[in-house]
Amino acid sequence: KTHAIEQDLQREIKGGHPPQVAVVWDSDAGHKDSNHWVVVEKIDGDKVYIRNPHGQLDDGKTGGPPREIDPKTGMITMSKEDFYSRLQTDVTKDDGQQVYSPYKPAKPDDYF
């Protein structure tokens, strides 16, 4: 089952406008970053592929969500479950205008 927001994200990716989204990045006590922007490059199977414009030094091991980072490309891979549970707001482009949509994080059963 595909979550409704995934259809919107896929449409933007296929249209050549990878969407920017806000996610809860580091949920450790005392260090909650609930508006960290990333760019969704691809969604495939049970994985979401993103770029973190502020993560040049990110090793994928400290702070932030569970993730893997390709050291050659910098592409970050997260499970859909982790991605959707942290998703806060999506920003898409519609006819050149940015559209902000509040998003209530999904439960894993909503898309598996």
Protein backbone atom coordinates (compact mmCIF):
# COMPACT_ATOMS: atom_id res chain seq x y z
CA LYS A 1 0.00 0.00 0.00
CA THR A 2 1.32 3.45 -0.92
CA HIS A 3 0.65 6.36 1.40
CA ALA A 4 -1.18 9.30 -0.24
CA ILE A 5 1.73 11.69 0.32
CA GLU A 6 4.01 9.30 -1.57
CA GLN A 7 1.98 9.78 -4.73
CA ASP A 8 2.49 13.55 -4.45
CA LEU A 9 6.22 13.15 -3.82
CA GLN A 10 6.59 10.76 -6.78
CA ARG A 11 4.73 13.18 -9.06
CA GLU A 12 7.12 16.01 -8.16
CA ILE A 13 10.20 13.79 -8.60
CA LYS A 14 9.02 12.55 -12.00
CA GLY A 15 8.26 16.15 -13.01
CA GLY A 16 11.89 17.10 -12.39
CA HIS A 17 11.18 18.99 -9.16
CA PRO A 18 12.54 16.89 -6.29
CA PRO A 19 10.49 18.06 -3.29
CA GLN A 20 11.97 19.65 -0.21
CA VAL A 21 10.53 18.29 3.01
CA ALA A 22 10.93 19.07 6.69
CA VAL A 23 11.72 16.14 8.92
CA VAL A 24 12.50 15.58 12.57
CA TRP A 25 16.21 14.93 12.22
CA ASP A 26 17.58 14.46 15.72
CA SER A 27 15.06 13.41 18.33
CA ASP A 28 17.57 12.89 21.15
CA ALA A 29 16.45 14.54 24.39
CA GLY A 30 17.49 18.18 24.48
CA HIS A 31 18.45 18.25 20.79
CA LYS A 32 15.21 18.02 18.82
CA ASP A 33 15.50 19.49 15.34
CA SER A 34 11.97 19.26 14.00
CA ASN A 35 12.40 21.39 10.90
CA HIS A 36 15.43 20.03 9.13
CA TRP A 37 15.06 20.36 5.35
CA VAL A 38 16.08 17.58 2.99
CA VAL A 39 15.43 16.92 -0.70
CA VAL A 40 13.68 13.70 -1.75
CA GLU A 41 15.48 12.37 -4.83
CA LYS A 42 13.85 8.95 -5.20
CA ILE A 43 11.40 6.53 -3.58
CA ASP A 44 11.89 2.88 -4.46
CA GLY A 45 10.51 -0.18 -2.72
CA ASP A 46 10.75 0.34 1.03
CA LYS A 47 13.49 2.99 0.76
CA VAL A 48 13.55 6.78 0.41
CA TYR A 49 16.64 8.43 -1.08
CA ILE A 50 17.34 11.97 0.10
CA ARG A 51 19.99 14.67 0.05
CA ASN A 52 20.80 16.69 3.12
CA PRO A 53 22.04 20.11 1.97
CA HIS A 54 23.55 20.70 5.42
CA GLY A 55 25.05 17.25 5.84
CA GLN A 56 28.41 17.34 4.08
CA LEU A 57 30.08 15.97 7.20
CA ASP A 58 27.28 13.52 8.06
CA ASP A 59 28.65 10.04 8.61
CA GLY A 60 25.25 8.46 9.27
CA LYS A 61 26.39 7.24 12.67
CA THR A 62 25.77 10.15 15.03
CA GLY A 63 22.59 12.14 15.60
CA GLY A 64 19.70 12.05 13.22
CA PRO A 65 17.52 9.21 12.03
CA PRO A 66 18.67 5.69 11.18
CA ARG A 67 20.20 6.03 7.72
CA GLU A 68 22.91 4.89 5.35
CA ILE A 69 25.10 7.30 3.40
CA ASP A 70 26.90 6.52 0.16
CA PRO A 71 30.36 8.03 0.74
CA LYS A 72 30.91 8.59 -2.99
CA THR A 73 27.66 10.39 -3.80
CA GLY A 74 26.42 11.64 -0.43
CA MET A 75 23.01 10.07 -1.14
CA ILE A 76 21.19 9.17 2.08
CA THR A 77 18.95 6.11 2.23
CA MET A 78 16.24 5.77 4.86
CA SER A 79 13.48 3.24 5.33
CA LYS A 80 10.00 4.48 4.46
CA GLU A 81 8.95 3.76 8.03
CA ASP A 82 11.62 6.08 9.45
CA PHE A 83 11.06 8.73 6.78
CA TYR A 84 7.28 8.94 7.12
CA SER A 85 7.38 8.80 10.92
CA ARG A 86 9.64 11.90 10.86
CA LEU A 87 8.00 13.81 8.02
CA GLN A 88 6.65 17.18 9.19
CA THR A 89 5.74 19.27 6.18
CA ASP A 90 6.14 18.89 2.46
CA VAL A 91 6.98 21.66 0.04
CA THR A 92 6.20 21.11 -3.61
CA LYS A 93 6.27 23.32 -6.65
CA ASP A 94 3.09 23.85 -8.61
CA ASP A 95 3.41 26.08 -11.68
CA GLY A 96 6.49 27.69 -10.16
CA GLN A 97 4.78 28.43 -6.83
CA GLN A 98 5.79 26.74 -3.62
CA VAL A 99 2.92 24.96 -1.91
CA TYR A 100 3.28 24.24 1.81
CA SER A 101 1.18 21.41 3.17
CA PRO A 102 1.09 20.43 6.84
CA TYR A 103 1.46 16.70 7.21
CA LYS A 104 0.56 14.41 10.07
CA PRO A 105 3.14 11.63 10.25
CA ALA A 106 1.82 8.28 9.11
CA LYS A 107 1.68 5.10 11.10
CA PRO A 108 3.61 2.21 9.51
CA ASP A 109 0.33 0.36 8.86
CA ASP A 110 -0.79 3.23 6.61
CA TYR A 111 1.66 2.32 3.87
CA PHE A 112 2.81 -1.26 4.38
